[in-house]
Amino acid sequence: MLTGDALPVAREIGKGLGLPNIRRVADLKAAGALAGNQAVDLLAGADGFAEVYPEDKCIVVQHLQAAGHVTGMTGDGVNDAPALRQAEVGIAVSTATDVAKGAASVVLTEPGLTNIVALVEQGRTIYQRILTWIINKISRTILKAPFVAIAFVVTGKFVVSAFAMLLLVFMTDFARISLATDNVRPSKKPETWNIGGFITVSVVLGIAMVAETLVLLWVGWSHFGLATNNNALYTFSFLLLLYFAVFSVVSARERSWFWATLPSKTFLLALAADALTGTVLTFVGLPGLKPLPWWQTVAIFAYAMVACLGLNDAVKVAMIKWRAPDAVAKKPVDVTPQIAKRAYELCEKRGRQDGRADQDWEQAEHEIRKDQVGRGKPASKAS
C-alpha cells in the first residue's frame, strides 16, 4: 500500500486490510543509499509506505523490480502514471485519468478492484494454453521429420505418402485449435517467458516418440508384410502418426500427470473426431491409404495410447521436475506450530503483557511467512 497519509493514519488503515507493517517512505530512500541488500531487505519486510510523494511511487516499483519481483501497480491519477509505466503490469481503474490509462498496461472497465484477480487468472490461463501449444508443436515436429527420414535411410522407402502426410498435417492442426477452449489451471505464481526448460522437455518427448514409432514400424515391417505392400505401409505410418498426435497433446496439456485435470468437452470432441475421421478414411480406400486389418488398427491405437499416456507422460513429469521445477505445484507447508512457538517467545520476552496476544501472533506470523518466502517455500494459511 502506498499512501500520502501520515504514518499513524496509514497504519490504522493497514491493520484493517491485514497490512500491519507500514513504514515511512523516507526509510526506504535512506536505505537505498546504502550498499548491499539492505534496501531489498527493508522492502521485503514492509507491507506499505506512508507519507509518499508522487515520485516515490516509481521508486518503490523500481526497488521491487531490483529485488526480482514481478510488479503490478494500480492507480488512477496523473501522479501515478510514472509508476504505472514502470511496473510490469500497470492497472488503471475505471475512473482513472486519461494520462493514467495511457500509461497503464490494462484498464479496468468496471468499478472496484476485484477484476484484477480475474485479470491475473485469465492471463496465466492463456499462458498455459500457449505453453501447451509450444510443447506439442516442438515435439510433433521432431517426431514427423526424423521418423520419415530415418525410416527412408533404413528401408529405402518413403513410409508415408505425400497425400497422407498432407492429410495428417491438416487434420491435426485443425484439431489443435480446440486447445483455446481447454480447461487449465492458472499458476499460483507469476509466469515467465524463460521457457528453456520446457523446450528441453519438448525435445526429449519428441525423441522418445521417434524411437517408439520406429520400433512399431519395425514390428510391422517384419511381421505384418509392410515390406512388400506400399499401400499398407502408407496406411500403417499414417495411423501411427495420427494416434501419436492425438494422445501426445492429451499428455502435453497438463504439467503434472495427464489425469490431474479433465479436458474440456470441445477439446475431447475435436480429438475424438480427428482420430475417428482418420480411421474411417483408411477404410474408404483413398489413394495411398489401403484399409488395414481391424486388429492392426486397434494394435496401433493401443500402442500409441500406452506410449503417450504411460511412458511419455512419466518422462514429461520427471523432466519438468528436473528442468522446470517452478511449474510443479508444491505442497504448502503448515507453519502454524512455528507461528505459535514464535508468538510464545514474543509473549515471554515482553513479560506476558495483557492484551498483547493478537499483536504477538500477528508479528510472529509475519516473521515466519517472510522467512518461508525467503526460502522459496509456499506456506499454508495458519488456522
Protein backbone atom coordinates (compact mmCIF):
# COMPACT_ATOMS: atom_id res chain seq x y z
CA MET A 1 0.00 0.00 0.00
CA LEU A 2 1.34 3.41 -0.99
CA THR A 3 -0.33 6.46 0.50
CA GLY A 4 0.45 10.09 1.09
CA ASP A 5 -1.26 9.99 4.50
CA ALA A 6 0.69 10.34 7.72
CA LEU A 7 2.15 7.19 9.26
CA PRO A 8 -0.41 6.81 12.12
CA VAL A 9 -3.34 7.10 9.70
CA ALA A 10 -1.74 4.67 7.25
CA ARG A 11 -1.07 2.11 9.98
CA GLU A 12 -4.66 2.26 11.16
CA ILE A 13 -5.93 1.67 7.63
CA GLY A 14 -3.35 -1.06 7.07
CA LYS A 15 -4.50 -3.01 10.12
CA GLY A 16 -7.99 -3.18 8.68
CA LEU A 17 -6.56 -4.51 5.41
CA GLY A 18 -4.27 -7.07 7.02
CA LEU A 19 -1.18 -4.94 6.31
CA PRO A 20 0.19 -4.11 9.76
CA ASN A 21 3.79 -3.28 8.85
CA ILE A 22 3.53 0.20 7.30
CA ARG A 23 6.67 2.36 7.21
CA ARG A 24 7.71 5.82 6.11
CA VAL A 25 8.97 6.08 2.57
CA ALA A 26 11.84 8.19 3.90
CA ASP A 27 13.25 5.00 5.45
CA LEU A 28 13.28 3.37 2.03
CA LYS A 29 15.08 6.32 0.48
CA ALA A 30 17.72 6.24 3.22
CA ALA A 31 18.25 2.52 2.78
CA GLY A 32 18.50 2.96 -0.98
CA ALA A 33 21.65 5.00 -0.49
CA LEU A 34 23.34 2.14 1.38
CA ALA A 35 25.42 -0.59 -0.20
CA GLY A 36 24.46 -4.25 -0.32
CA ASN A 37 20.97 -5.67 0.02
CA GLN A 38 19.74 -3.55 2.93
CA ALA A 39 17.22 -1.73 0.74
CA VAL A 40 15.87 -5.02 -0.58
CA ASP A 41 15.54 -6.45 2.94
CA LEU A 42 13.70 -3.36 4.13
CA LEU A 43 11.27 -3.52 1.25
CA ALA A 44 10.63 -7.26 1.67
CA GLY A 45 9.65 -6.72 5.31
CA ALA A 46 7.22 -3.89 4.61
CA ASP A 47 3.51 -4.08 3.79
CA GLY A 48 3.35 -0.49 2.58
CA PHE A 49 4.68 3.02 2.84
CA ALA A 50 3.20 6.24 4.15
CA GLU A 51 3.98 9.91 3.51
CA VAL A 52 4.60 9.10 -0.14
CA TYR A 53 5.18 11.77 -2.75
CA PRO A 54 4.23 11.17 -6.41
CA GLU A 55 7.80 10.43 -7.47
CA ASP A 56 8.23 7.96 -4.58
CA LYS A 57 5.77 5.52 -6.14
CA CYS A 58 8.08 4.92 -9.05
CA ILE A 59 11.00 4.43 -6.62
CA VAL A 60 9.10 1.71 -4.76
CA VAL A 61 8.32 -0.09 -8.02
CA GLN A 62 11.97 0.08 -9.05
CA HIS A 63 13.10 -1.37 -5.69
CA LEU A 64 10.66 -4.26 -6.08
CA GLN A 65 11.93 -4.97 -9.57
CA ALA A 66 15.54 -4.79 -8.39
CA ALA A 67 14.68 -7.50 -5.84
CA GLY A 68 13.48 -9.76 -8.66
CA HIS A 69 9.72 -9.31 -8.18
CA VAL A 70 7.16 -9.12 -10.97
CA THR A 71 5.44 -5.88 -10.03
CA GLY A 72 1.88 -4.70 -10.53
CA MET A 73 0.76 -1.13 -9.83
CA THR A 74 -2.77 0.20 -9.53
CA GLY A 75 -3.60 3.89 -9.70
CA ASP A 76 -5.98 6.49 -11.04
CA GLY A 77 -4.26 9.87 -11.04
CA VAL A 78 -1.78 11.76 -13.17
CA ASN A 79 0.84 11.32 -10.44
CA ASP A 80 0.50 7.54 -10.73
CA ALA A 81 1.47 7.50 -14.43
CA PRO A 82 5.27 7.04 -13.98
CA ALA A 83 4.80 4.09 -11.64
CA LEU A 84 2.14 2.57 -13.89
CA ARG A 85 4.53 2.79 -16.82
CA GLN A 86 7.46 1.39 -14.81
CA ALA A 87 5.63 -1.66 -13.46
CA GLU A 88 5.42 -4.88 -15.47
CA VAL A 89 1.65 -4.69 -15.11
CA GLY A 90 0.22 -1.20 -14.74
CA ILE A 91 -3.51 -1.30 -13.95
CA ALA A 92 -5.64 1.83 -14.28
CA VAL A 93 -9.06 1.77 -12.60
CA SER A 94 -12.24 2.64 -14.48
CA THR A 95 -12.33 6.21 -13.12
CA ALA A 96 -8.65 6.93 -13.85
CA THR A 97 -7.49 9.98 -15.75
CA ASP A 98 -6.62 9.70 -19.43
CA VAL A 99 -2.92 10.07 -18.60
CA ALA A 100 -3.06 7.13 -16.16
CA LYS A 101 -4.98 5.00 -18.66
CA GLY A 102 -2.44 5.78 -21.36
CA ALA A 103 0.47 4.79 -19.13
CA ALA A 104 -1.14 1.56 -17.89
CA SER A 105 -0.95 -1.89 -19.46
CA VAL A 106 -4.54 -2.69 -18.51
CA VAL A 107 -7.60 -0.52 -17.93
CA LEU A 108 -10.42 -1.90 -15.78
CA THR A 109 -13.83 -1.23 -17.29
CA GLU A 110 -15.88 -1.80 -14.13
CA PRO A 111 -15.67 -0.07 -10.72
CA GLY A 112 -13.64 -1.71 -7.96
CA LEU A 113 -10.50 -3.81 -7.89
CA THR A 114 -11.96 -7.33 -7.79
CA ASN A 115 -11.49 -7.72 -11.55
CA ILE A 116 -7.72 -7.67 -11.02
CA VAL A 117 -7.95 -11.25 -9.74
CA ALA A 118 -9.86 -12.33 -12.86
CA LEU A 119 -7.33 -10.44 -14.99
CA VAL A 120 -4.36 -12.30 -13.50
CA GLU A 121 -6.09 -15.69 -13.70
CA GLN A 122 -7.07 -15.15 -17.33
CA GLY A 123 -3.55 -14.08 -18.28
CA ARG A 124 -1.99 -17.14 -16.63
CA THR A 125 -4.61 -19.39 -18.24
CA ILE A 126 -3.69 -18.05 -21.68
CA TYR A 127 -0.02 -18.60 -20.84
CA GLN A 128 -0.66 -22.26 -20.01
CA ARG A 129 -2.52 -22.80 -23.28
CA ILE A 130 0.27 -21.18 -25.30
CA LEU A 131 2.83 -23.28 -23.45
CA THR A 132 0.88 -26.44 -24.27
CA TRP A 133 0.85 -25.47 -27.94
CA ILE A 134 4.61 -24.82 -27.91
CA ILE A 135 5.41 -28.17 -26.24
CA ASN A 136 3.14 -30.05 -28.62
CA LYS A 137 4.40 -28.22 -31.71
CA ILE A 138 8.09 -28.83 -30.99
CA SER A 139 7.67 -32.49 -30.03
CA ARG A 140 5.42 -33.22 -33.03
CA THR A 141 7.81 -31.53 -35.46
CA ILE A 142 10.67 -33.60 -34.08
CA LEU A 143 8.51 -36.72 -34.43
CA LYS A 144 7.46 -36.35 -38.07
CA ALA A 145 10.68 -35.27 -39.77
CA PRO A 146 13.14 -37.76 -38.19
CA PHE A 147 10.58 -40.59 -38.40
CA VAL A 148 10.26 -40.23 -42.18
CA ALA A 149 13.98 -39.55 -42.69
CA ILE A 150 15.30 -42.41 -40.56
CA ALA A 151 12.76 -44.85 -41.98
CA PHE A 152 13.80 -43.87 -45.52
CA VAL A 153 17.50 -44.37 -44.75
CA VAL A 154 16.87 -47.79 -43.20
CA THR A 155 14.23 -49.16 -45.60
CA GLY A 156 14.96 -47.21 -48.78
CA LYS A 157 11.30 -46.22 -49.00
CA PHE A 158 9.17 -43.25 -48.04
CA VAL A 159 6.99 -44.89 -45.40
CA VAL A 160 4.15 -42.38 -45.79
CA SER A 161 2.75 -40.89 -48.99
CA ALA A 162 2.70 -37.16 -49.71
CA PHE A 163 -1.11 -37.21 -49.71
CA ALA A 164 -1.25 -38.99 -46.35
CA MET A 165 1.23 -36.53 -44.79
CA LEU A 166 -0.74 -33.55 -46.14
CA LEU A 167 -3.95 -35.02 -44.76
CA LEU A 168 -2.27 -35.68 -41.43
CA VAL A 169 -0.98 -32.11 -41.08
CA PHE A 170 -4.36 -30.62 -41.96
CA MET A 171 -6.32 -32.83 -39.55
CA THR A 172 -4.03 -32.45 -36.54
CA ASP A 173 -3.59 -28.68 -36.96
CA PHE A 174 -7.35 -28.26 -37.20
CA ALA A 175 -7.88 -30.27 -34.01
CA ARG A 176 -5.24 -28.25 -32.11
CA ILE A 177 -7.38 -25.13 -32.49
CA SER A 178 -9.59 -26.59 -29.75
CA LEU A 179 -6.74 -26.03 -27.26
CA ALA A 180 -8.12 -22.49 -26.89
CA THR A 181 -11.16 -23.97 -25.12
CA ASP A 182 -9.32 -26.41 -22.88
CA ASN A 183 -9.59 -26.42 -19.08
CA VAL A 184 -6.29 -25.39 -17.49
CA ARG A 185 -5.11 -24.48 -14.01
CA PRO A 186 -3.59 -20.99 -13.76
CA SER A 187 -0.34 -20.87 -11.84
CA LYS A 188 -0.25 -19.58 -8.27
CA LYS A 189 2.92 -17.61 -9.05
CA PRO A 190 3.86 -15.09 -11.74
CA GLU A 191 4.81 -16.71 -15.03
CA THR A 192 7.93 -16.08 -17.08
CA TRP A 193 8.65 -16.44 -20.79
CA ASN A 194 12.01 -18.00 -19.98
CA ILE A 195 10.83 -21.41 -21.20
CA GLY A 196 14.17 -23.04 -21.97
CA GLY A 197 13.37 -25.88 -19.59
CA PHE A 198 10.10 -26.64 -21.38
CA ILE A 199 11.87 -26.64 -24.75
CA THR A 200 14.22 -29.29 -23.37
CA VAL A 201 11.19 -31.30 -22.22
CA SER A 202 9.66 -30.96 -25.70
CA VAL A 203 12.84 -32.19 -27.40
CA VAL A 204 13.11 -35.22 -25.12
CA LEU A 205 9.45 -36.11 -25.72
CA GLY A 206 9.94 -35.74 -29.47
CA ILE A 207 12.97 -38.05 -29.44
CA ALA A 208 11.09 -40.58 -27.31
CA MET A 209 8.18 -40.61 -29.77
CA VAL A 210 10.56 -41.06 -32.73
CA ALA A 211 12.07 -44.11 -31.05
CA GLU A 212 8.64 -45.55 -30.17
CA THR A 213 7.18 -45.10 -33.64
CA LEU A 214 10.26 -46.60 -35.31
CA VAL A 215 10.04 -49.64 -33.03
CA LEU A 216 6.42 -50.30 -34.04
CA LEU A 217 7.24 -49.66 -37.69
CA TRP A 218 9.99 -52.28 -37.45
CA VAL A 219 7.49 -54.74 -35.96
CA GLY A 220 5.06 -54.05 -38.81
CA TRP A 221 7.83 -54.28 -41.40
CA SER A 222 8.99 -57.64 -40.04
CA HIS A 223 5.69 -59.31 -39.16
CA PHE A 224 2.81 -57.55 -40.95
CA GLY A 225 4.15 -57.71 -44.52
CA LEU A 226 4.70 -53.96 -44.90
CA ALA A 227 7.97 -54.52 -46.76
CA THR A 228 6.12 -55.81 -49.85
CA ASN A 229 2.95 -53.69 -49.68
CA ASN A 230 3.49 -49.97 -50.07
CA ASN A 231 -0.18 -49.03 -49.67
CA ALA A 232 -0.39 -50.90 -46.36
CA LEU A 233 2.90 -49.27 -45.32
CA TYR A 234 1.48 -45.80 -46.02
CA THR A 235 -1.69 -46.52 -44.04
CA PHE A 236 0.26 -48.04 -41.15
CA SER A 237 2.51 -44.98 -40.85
CA PHE A 238 -0.41 -42.58 -41.28
CA LEU A 239 -2.37 -44.14 -38.42
CA LEU A 240 0.74 -44.38 -36.28
CA LEU A 241 1.48 -40.66 -36.60
CA LEU A 242 -2.20 -39.74 -36.24
CA TYR A 243 -2.75 -41.64 -32.99
CA PHE A 244 0.52 -40.37 -31.53
CA ALA A 245 -0.59 -36.82 -32.38
CA VAL A 246 -3.91 -37.30 -30.59
CA PHE A 247 -2.56 -38.85 -27.40
CA SER A 248 0.58 -36.69 -27.16
CA VAL A 249 -1.46 -33.49 -26.97
CA VAL A 250 -3.55 -35.00 -24.16
CA SER A 251 -0.34 -35.51 -22.21
CA ALA A 252 1.20 -32.14 -23.13
CA ARG A 253 -1.80 -30.12 -21.92
CA GLU A 254 -1.02 -30.82 -18.25
CA ARG A 255 2.23 -30.01 -16.42
CA SER A 256 1.55 -32.87 -14.00
CA TRP A 257 0.09 -36.31 -14.79
CA PHE A 258 -2.40 -36.17 -17.66
CA TRP A 259 -5.32 -37.16 -15.43
CA ALA A 260 -4.76 -34.28 -12.97
CA THR A 261 -7.41 -32.19 -14.75
CA LEU A 262 -10.24 -33.06 -17.12
CA PRO A 263 -10.01 -31.68 -20.67
CA SER A 264 -12.86 -29.53 -21.96
CA LYS A 265 -15.67 -31.22 -23.88
CA THR A 266 -14.84 -29.28 -27.04
CA PHE A 267 -11.22 -30.38 -26.85
CA LEU A 268 -12.14 -34.04 -26.33
CA LEU A 269 -14.71 -33.98 -29.14
CA ALA A 270 -12.17 -32.43 -31.51
CA LEU A 271 -9.55 -35.10 -30.75
CA ALA A 272 -12.11 -37.90 -30.96
CA ALA A 273 -13.38 -36.58 -34.29
CA ASP A 274 -9.79 -36.32 -35.55
CA ALA A 275 -8.96 -39.92 -34.65
CA LEU A 276 -12.29 -41.27 -35.89
CA THR A 277 -12.17 -39.40 -39.19
CA GLY A 278 -8.63 -40.54 -39.89
CA THR A 279 -9.53 -44.15 -39.13
CA VAL A 280 -12.64 -44.05 -41.31
CA LEU A 281 -10.69 -42.57 -44.23
CA THR A 282 -8.34 -45.57 -44.20
CA PHE A 283 -11.32 -47.90 -44.68
CA VAL A 284 -12.76 -45.81 -47.51
CA GLY A 285 -9.85 -46.72 -49.71
CA LEU A 286 -8.39 -43.35 -50.66
CA PRO A 287 -5.32 -43.34 -52.92
CA GLY A 288 -2.30 -44.35 -50.86
CA LEU A 289 -4.43 -45.41 -47.87
CA LYS A 290 -5.27 -49.08 -48.21
CA PRO A 291 -7.51 -50.49 -45.43
CA LEU A 292 -5.64 -52.45 -42.78
CA PRO A 293 -6.99 -55.45 -40.86
CA TRP A 294 -9.02 -54.17 -37.92
CA TRP A 295 -6.74 -55.80 -35.38
CA GLN A 296 -3.73 -53.91 -36.74
CA THR A 297 -5.62 -50.62 -36.39
CA VAL A 298 -6.55 -51.49 -32.81
CA ALA A 299 -2.96 -52.51 -32.06
CA ILE A 300 -1.61 -49.19 -33.37
CA PHE A 301 -4.21 -47.28 -31.34
CA ALA A 302 -3.42 -49.18 -28.13
CA TYR A 303 0.34 -48.85 -28.65
CA ALA A 304 0.09 -45.07 -29.12
CA MET A 305 -2.13 -44.69 -26.07
CA VAL A 306 0.19 -46.67 -23.79
CA ALA A 307 3.31 -44.95 -25.11
CA CYS A 308 1.99 -41.38 -24.84
CA LEU A 309 -0.18 -41.60 -21.72
CA GLY A 310 2.06 -44.07 -19.91
CA LEU A 311 5.75 -43.94 -20.71
CA ASN A 312 5.95 -40.44 -22.22
CA ASP A 313 3.74 -38.92 -19.54
CA ALA A 314 6.09 -40.27 -16.87
CA VAL A 315 9.08 -38.87 -18.79
CA LYS A 316 7.32 -35.50 -19.05
CA VAL A 317 6.63 -35.31 -15.30
CA ALA A 318 10.20 -36.29 -14.43
CA MET A 319 11.70 -33.84 -16.93
CA ILE A 320 9.54 -30.93 -15.73
CA LYS A 321 10.55 -31.58 -12.12
CA TRP A 322 14.19 -31.53 -13.23
CA ARG A 323 14.27 -28.80 -15.89
CA ALA A 324 11.27 -26.62 -14.88
CA PRO A 325 10.65 -27.25 -11.16
CA ASP A 326 8.73 -23.97 -10.70
CA ALA A 327 5.98 -25.34 -12.97
CA VAL A 328 5.18 -28.11 -10.48
CA ALA A 329 2.82 -27.13 -7.69
CA LYS A 330 4.45 -27.59 -4.31
CA LYS A 331 2.61 -28.76 -1.25
CA PRO A 332 2.09 -25.87 1.18
CA VAL A 333 3.95 -26.11 4.46
CA ASP A 334 1.86 -25.79 7.62
CA VAL A 335 3.62 -23.07 9.61
CA THR A 336 1.06 -22.85 12.42
CA PRO A 337 3.31 -24.62 15.01
CA GLN A 338 6.21 -22.31 14.15
CA ILE A 339 4.00 -19.24 14.48
CA ALA A 340 2.66 -20.42 17.83
CA LYS A 341 6.18 -21.04 19.12
CA ARG A 342 7.38 -17.63 17.99
CA ALA A 343 4.30 -15.89 19.45
CA TYR A 344 5.01 -17.55 22.82
CA GLU A 345 8.63 -16.35 22.66
CA LEU A 346 7.46 -12.78 22.00
CA CYS A 347 4.98 -13.01 24.87
CA GLU A 348 7.70 -14.18 27.27
CA LYS A 349 10.07 -11.51 26.04
CA ARG A 350 7.54 -8.77 26.80
CA GLY A 351 6.80 -10.16 30.23
CA ARG A 352 3.37 -11.58 29.35
CA GLN A 353 1.67 -8.23 28.94
CA ASP A 354 -2.12 -8.40 28.93
CA GLY A 355 -3.89 -7.57 25.69
CA ARG A 356 -0.83 -8.30 23.54
CA ALA A 357 -1.76 -11.79 22.36
CA ASP A 358 -3.18 -10.69 19.00
CA GLN A 359 -0.24 -8.38 18.28
CA ASP A 360 2.27 -11.09 19.23
CA TRP A 361 0.56 -13.60 16.93
CA GLU A 362 0.47 -11.12 14.02
CA GLN A 363 4.14 -10.29 14.43
CA ALA A 364 5.09 -13.95 14.71
CA GLU A 365 3.05 -14.84 11.62
CA HIS A 366 4.64 -12.02 9.64
CA GLU A 367 8.17 -13.13 10.61
CA ILE A 368 7.58 -16.80 9.84
CA ARG A 369 5.91 -16.16 6.49
CA LYS A 370 8.67 -13.77 5.48
CA ASP A 371 11.22 -16.48 6.31
CA GLN A 372 9.27 -19.06 4.25
CA VAL A 373 9.12 -16.73 1.26
CA GLY A 374 12.87 -16.16 1.54
CA ARG A 375 13.43 -19.91 1.35
CA GLY A 376 11.10 -20.23 -1.64
CA LYS A 377 8.60 -22.47 0.18
CA PRO A 378 4.82 -21.88 -0.05
CA ALA A 379 3.26 -21.59 3.39
CA SER A 380 -0.27 -22.71 4.11
CA LYS A 381 -2.60 -20.34 5.90
CA ALA A 382 -2.44 -20.65 9.66
CA SER A 383 -5.62 -21.67 11.39
